[in-house]
Amino acid sequence: MGAVVQRFPLFPLGLVLLPTELVPLHIFEERYRQMIGECLDTGDEFGIVWLSDNGLKDIGCSARVARLLKRMEDGRMDVLVQGVAPFRLLRRIEDLPYPAGDVELLDDAGVEADPSTATDARDLYAKLVERVTDERPDDAELDDMDAYDMAATVEFALDAKQVLLELRSEADRMTAVAELFDKTMQRLDFSERAGEVARSNGKIHLGGGGG
């Protein structure tokens, strides 16, 4: 069992945060202004948990405030937060001004990704980034990236991100992100073909000649 942190501040949100991922948040409710204010003062972390249509998930991600972007006169603030590590919510705490709970920090199973799987995942990621930005990531930078590092820069569906957050080995995460990158490339291919169809009045131009 991982370390247990008691009375850990929680921020239920309609998003899934991954370790290393950077996300901007607009803090406007009084209870969360107090919570984030305390984290800014102390440097302590808080937890983000996905509040899905089916309820609050048990697995979330701890976060730290990476930067205070703006503080307004009425107390509202814009902050940039960064994911740190997965945790499991053990029980809710109801006697604080904001949501909190006892959480267990989750350790990995220690199963490293197969080198070929990791290479495939990084290659697919590089191709995806190059396709969208016209720039391929540096090879040295790629070699240092784990599954979370790569997934944190791509906008996946929330349920897919939650699955990644709940996987307890780098081997499983690398396999999962490789599949996600591959499906994303396929969707981009489909979107481009659909655009070509729209531009050609519903007909796909296959090339070739005749006459």
Protein backbone atom coordinates (compact mmCIF):
# COMPACT_ATOMS: atom_id res chain seq x y z
CA MET A 1 0.00 0.00 0.00
CA GLY A 2 1.26 3.47 -0.89
CA ALA A 3 1.61 6.36 1.51
CA VAL A 4 -1.64 7.74 2.89
CA VAL A 5 -2.20 11.50 3.02
CA GLN A 6 -4.96 12.57 5.37
CA ARG A 7 -7.28 15.53 4.86
CA PHE A 8 -5.99 16.12 1.35
CA PRO A 9 -7.73 19.05 -0.42
CA LEU A 10 -9.80 17.88 -3.39
CA PHE A 11 -11.08 19.69 -6.46
CA PRO A 12 -13.79 17.66 -8.26
CA LEU A 13 -13.86 18.85 -11.88
CA GLY A 14 -15.15 17.86 -15.27
CA LEU A 15 -11.65 16.99 -16.43
CA VAL A 16 -8.97 14.34 -15.98
CA LEU A 17 -5.50 15.55 -15.08
CA LEU A 18 -2.44 13.42 -15.90
CA PRO A 19 0.98 13.60 -14.23
CA THR A 20 3.13 16.34 -15.85
CA GLU A 21 0.09 17.82 -17.66
CA LEU A 22 -0.38 21.58 -17.46
CA VAL A 23 -3.95 22.90 -17.21
CA PRO A 24 -5.23 26.46 -16.67
CA LEU A 25 -8.01 26.86 -14.11
CA HIS A 26 -10.29 29.78 -13.33
CA ILE A 27 -11.04 29.75 -9.60
CA PHE A 28 -14.24 31.57 -8.68
CA GLU A 29 -16.11 29.66 -5.95
CA GLU A 30 -15.26 30.89 -2.44
CA ARG A 31 -14.38 27.43 -1.10
CA TYR A 32 -11.94 26.77 -3.93
CA ARG A 33 -10.50 30.27 -3.71
CA GLN A 34 -9.69 29.46 -0.09
CA MET A 35 -8.26 26.06 -0.98
CA ILE A 36 -6.04 27.33 -3.80
CA GLY A 37 -5.06 30.36 -1.71
CA GLU A 38 -3.80 28.06 1.04
CA CYS A 39 -1.90 25.95 -1.51
CA LEU A 40 -0.29 29.12 -2.88
CA ASP A 41 0.73 30.20 0.62
CA THR A 42 2.15 26.83 1.69
CA GLY A 43 3.24 25.26 -1.60
CA ASP A 44 1.14 22.19 -0.74
CA GLU A 45 -0.52 20.05 -3.37
CA PHE A 46 -4.21 19.32 -3.88
CA GLY A 47 -6.07 16.64 -5.80
CA ILE A 48 -8.11 16.85 -8.99
CA VAL A 49 -10.73 14.13 -9.40
CA TRP A 50 -12.95 13.66 -12.43
CA LEU A 51 -16.59 14.39 -11.64
CA SER A 52 -18.08 12.36 -14.50
CA ASP A 53 -21.72 11.84 -15.46
CA ASN A 54 -21.53 8.63 -13.44
CA GLY A 55 -20.22 10.33 -10.31
CA LEU A 56 -16.89 11.09 -8.72
CA LYS A 57 -14.05 8.76 -9.70
CA ASP A 58 -11.94 7.03 -7.05
CA ILE A 59 -8.64 7.63 -8.87
CA GLY A 60 -7.40 11.19 -9.26
CA CYS A 61 -4.16 13.09 -9.72
CA SER A 62 -2.40 15.35 -7.25
CA ALA A 63 -1.55 18.80 -8.56
CA ARG A 64 0.54 21.79 -7.69
CA VAL A 65 0.02 25.41 -8.64
CA ALA A 66 2.75 26.02 -11.20
CA ARG A 67 1.91 29.68 -11.65
CA LEU A 68 -0.53 32.30 -10.47
CA LEU A 69 -1.59 33.91 -13.73
CA LYS A 70 -3.97 36.57 -12.41
CA ARG A 71 -5.67 37.52 -9.18
CA MET A 72 -8.76 39.70 -9.43
CA GLU A 73 -9.97 42.26 -6.90
CA ASP A 74 -13.00 40.13 -5.98
CA GLY A 75 -10.78 37.16 -5.08
CA ARG A 76 -11.17 35.18 -8.27
CA MET A 77 -7.94 33.93 -9.78
CA ASP A 78 -6.50 32.26 -12.85
CA VAL A 79 -3.84 29.64 -12.14
CA LEU A 80 -1.79 27.16 -14.11
CA VAL A 81 -1.62 23.78 -12.40
CA GLN A 82 0.55 20.76 -13.15
CA GLY A 83 -0.26 17.12 -12.49
CA VAL A 84 2.06 15.30 -10.11
CA ALA A 85 1.01 11.73 -9.23
CA PRO A 86 -2.02 9.41 -9.17
CA PHE A 87 -3.88 8.70 -5.96
CA ARG A 88 -6.87 6.71 -4.74
CA LEU A 89 -9.58 8.40 -2.71
CA LEU A 90 -10.11 6.30 0.41
CA ARG A 91 -12.75 8.40 2.16
CA ARG A 92 -14.25 11.86 2.03
CA ILE A 93 -13.66 14.46 4.75
CA GLU A 94 -16.61 16.74 5.43
CA ASP A 95 -15.42 19.11 8.19
CA LEU A 96 -13.28 21.48 6.10
CA PRO A 97 -14.49 24.58 4.22
CA TYR A 98 -13.71 22.80 0.93
CA PRO A 99 -13.84 19.17 -0.27
CA ALA A 100 -11.10 16.93 1.12
CA GLY A 101 -10.34 13.29 1.77
CA ASP A 102 -7.85 10.70 2.90
CA VAL A 103 -5.97 9.48 -0.16
CA GLU A 104 -3.47 6.75 -0.96
CA LEU A 105 -0.61 7.70 -3.27
CA LEU A 106 -0.41 4.96 -5.88
CA ASP A 107 2.85 3.18 -6.66
CA ASP A 108 3.61 1.58 -10.00
CA ALA A 109 3.89 -2.19 -10.32
CA GLY A 110 7.46 -1.74 -11.58
CA VAL A 111 6.85 -3.39 -14.97
CA GLU A 112 8.84 -1.48 -17.56
CA ALA A 113 7.60 -1.13 -21.11
CA ASP A 114 9.03 -3.47 -23.73
CA PRO A 115 11.65 -1.47 -25.69
CA SER A 116 9.93 -2.13 -29.01
CA THR A 117 6.55 -0.99 -27.62
CA ALA A 118 8.11 2.17 -26.20
CA THR A 119 9.85 2.86 -29.52
CA ASP A 120 6.61 2.37 -31.44
CA ALA A 121 4.72 4.66 -29.06
CA ARG A 122 7.32 7.41 -29.29
CA ASP A 123 7.49 7.12 -33.07
CA LEU A 124 3.71 7.42 -33.39
CA TYR A 125 3.76 10.37 -31.03
CA ALA A 126 6.50 12.08 -33.04
CA LYS A 127 4.57 11.56 -36.27
CA LEU A 128 1.41 12.93 -34.69
CA VAL A 129 3.18 16.04 -33.36
CA GLU A 130 4.92 16.60 -36.70
CA ARG A 131 1.64 16.25 -38.55
CA VAL A 132 -0.12 18.82 -36.39
CA THR A 133 2.73 21.30 -35.85
CA ASP A 134 5.03 20.61 -38.84
CA GLU A 135 7.87 20.08 -36.38
CA ARG A 136 9.17 16.73 -35.19
CA PRO A 137 10.21 16.51 -31.52
CA ASP A 138 13.91 16.27 -30.83
CA ASP A 139 15.08 12.63 -30.59
CA ALA A 140 16.85 13.18 -27.27
CA GLU A 141 13.70 14.77 -25.86
CA LEU A 142 11.61 11.87 -27.15
CA ASP A 143 13.84 9.29 -25.50
CA ASP A 144 13.24 10.93 -22.11
CA MET A 145 9.46 10.98 -22.43
CA ASP A 146 7.33 8.38 -20.68
CA ALA A 147 3.71 7.58 -21.46
CA TYR A 148 2.37 10.31 -19.19
CA ASP A 149 4.72 12.91 -20.71
CA MET A 150 3.42 12.18 -24.20
CA ALA A 151 -0.26 11.80 -23.32
CA ALA A 152 -0.21 15.05 -21.34
CA THR A 153 0.33 17.04 -24.55
CA VAL A 154 -2.51 15.47 -26.55
CA GLU A 155 -6.22 16.19 -26.09
CA PHE A 156 -7.72 12.73 -25.55
CA ALA A 157 -11.26 11.87 -24.48
CA LEU A 158 -11.74 12.00 -20.72
CA ASP A 159 -12.51 8.30 -20.38
CA ALA A 160 -9.29 7.42 -22.23
CA LYS A 161 -7.28 9.69 -19.93
CA GLN A 162 -8.93 8.14 -16.88
CA VAL A 163 -7.92 4.67 -18.08
CA LEU A 164 -4.31 5.86 -18.42
CA LEU A 165 -4.40 7.34 -14.94
CA GLU A 166 -5.61 4.06 -13.46
CA LEU A 167 -3.03 1.81 -15.18
CA ARG A 168 -0.35 0.82 -12.70
CA SER A 169 2.58 -0.05 -14.97
CA GLU A 170 4.54 1.87 -17.59
CA ALA A 171 4.29 -1.18 -19.84
CA ASP A 172 0.48 -0.99 -19.89
CA ARG A 173 0.52 2.79 -20.32
CA MET A 174 2.92 2.65 -23.27
CA THR A 175 0.73 0.06 -24.97
CA ALA A 176 -2.35 2.20 -24.31
CA VAL A 177 -0.87 5.47 -25.60
CA ALA A 178 0.45 3.74 -28.73
CA GLU A 179 -3.10 2.62 -29.50
CA LEU A 180 -4.46 6.09 -28.76
CA PHE A 181 -1.88 7.78 -31.02
CA ASP A 182 -2.63 5.31 -33.80
CA LYS A 183 -6.39 5.93 -33.54
CA THR A 184 -5.80 9.67 -33.51
CA MET A 185 -3.76 9.41 -36.71
CA GLN A 186 -6.56 7.39 -38.29
CA ARG A 187 -9.10 10.06 -37.32
CA LEU A 188 -6.89 12.74 -38.86
CA ASP A 189 -6.68 10.68 -42.05
CA PHE A 190 -10.46 10.37 -42.09
CA SER A 191 -10.96 14.10 -41.47
CA GLU A 192 -8.61 14.99 -44.31
CA ARG A 193 -10.39 12.60 -46.68
CA ALA A 194 -13.75 14.01 -45.60
CA GLY A 195 -12.44 17.49 -46.33
CA GLU A 196 -11.33 16.40 -49.77
CA VAL A 197 -14.78 14.94 -50.41
CA ALA A 198 -16.44 18.19 -49.34
CA ARG A 199 -14.17 20.23 -51.61
CA SER A 200 -14.91 17.95 -54.57
CA ASN A 201 -18.70 18.03 -54.24
CA GLY A 202 -18.89 14.58 -52.74
CA LYS A 203 -16.48 12.81 -55.09
CA ILE A 204 -13.05 11.59 -54.07
CA HIS A 205 -10.44 12.31 -56.72
CA LEU A 206 -8.33 9.18 -57.13
CA GLY A 207 -5.94 10.56 -59.71
CA GLY A 208 -5.05 8.91 -62.97
CA GLY A 209 -5.92 10.07 -66.43
CA GLY A 210 -7.85 9.08 -69.45
CA GLY A 211 -9.17 10.31 -72.67
